[in-house]
Amino acid sequence: MHDRAKEFQGKVALITGAAGDGIGQACARRLAEGGATVVVTDVHERRTTEVSERITAELGAHAVGIPMDICDRDQMRSVLKRVNAELGPVSILINNAALNVQGDIFDCDIEVFERVLFADVTARWFLSMLAGQQMKAAGGGAIVNIGSIANQRGSAAIQPPYAIAKGAMPALTRGLARAGGPFNIRANEVIMGSVSDTRFMRSRQDVLDGFLPQIPLGRHARSGDIAEAVAFL
């Protein structure tokens, strides 16, 4: 019988954007339940500490909170180096953190556009490269990119940088998978629609209501659904 409490034992899992109350934290909790040493990273220092302490206390897991800004290359490099030195090589990387800016594709500030593309594409490649180097040295690992259907449904009209960035995720994921395969590094993407219990979607009830008739299952996804898919991958 499969022992869920041991499925990730001995693994170090780093999750970005994990101190909010949505997908990142749900993934951190699911991997912690499976026995992984979980590294909770987020730009918000206080919440990062609080979430990691709650996971440790509530699940009896080993969770460490480290503040990290995915728009800061030096900080990302420092965090990955610290994790390797203190906890061991990252064997699971969940690229969850992202910026989502609403706006008109014909009227988008260039600095905002570039910041979103850096956070949602460049930072994910950069973290995957740093973690991938550790995985290669350790004999393998897994990278999971959290994607979105935004780039497939014409959302570029109101989410230009976000939708375009999400459009780059399949190419990044395929590239990581092909390059990583010979080193036992797997890369996958979870492409999601509306997730009802994220802070962003709770603030957009009109969007949730509009999406519902298009969903055959008759309900929106929840963070726990995404976390189970991530754990499988």
Foldseek 3Di string as FASTA:
>chain_A
DDDQLAPQAPAEEEFEPCLFPAQNVLLQLSVQSSHHQYEYEYQDQVSQQVSQVCSCVVRVGHYHGDYDDLLDLVRLLVVQVVCCVPPNAHQEYELEDADWDWDALVDDDPVVLVSRLSSLAVSLLSNCVSSLVRQLVVQEHEYEYEAECCLVPPVCRTGVSRNVSSVCVVVSQVVCQVVCVVSHYHGYYDYFYDACPGPVNVVVVVVLVVCQVVDPVNHHHHSNVVSVVSVVD
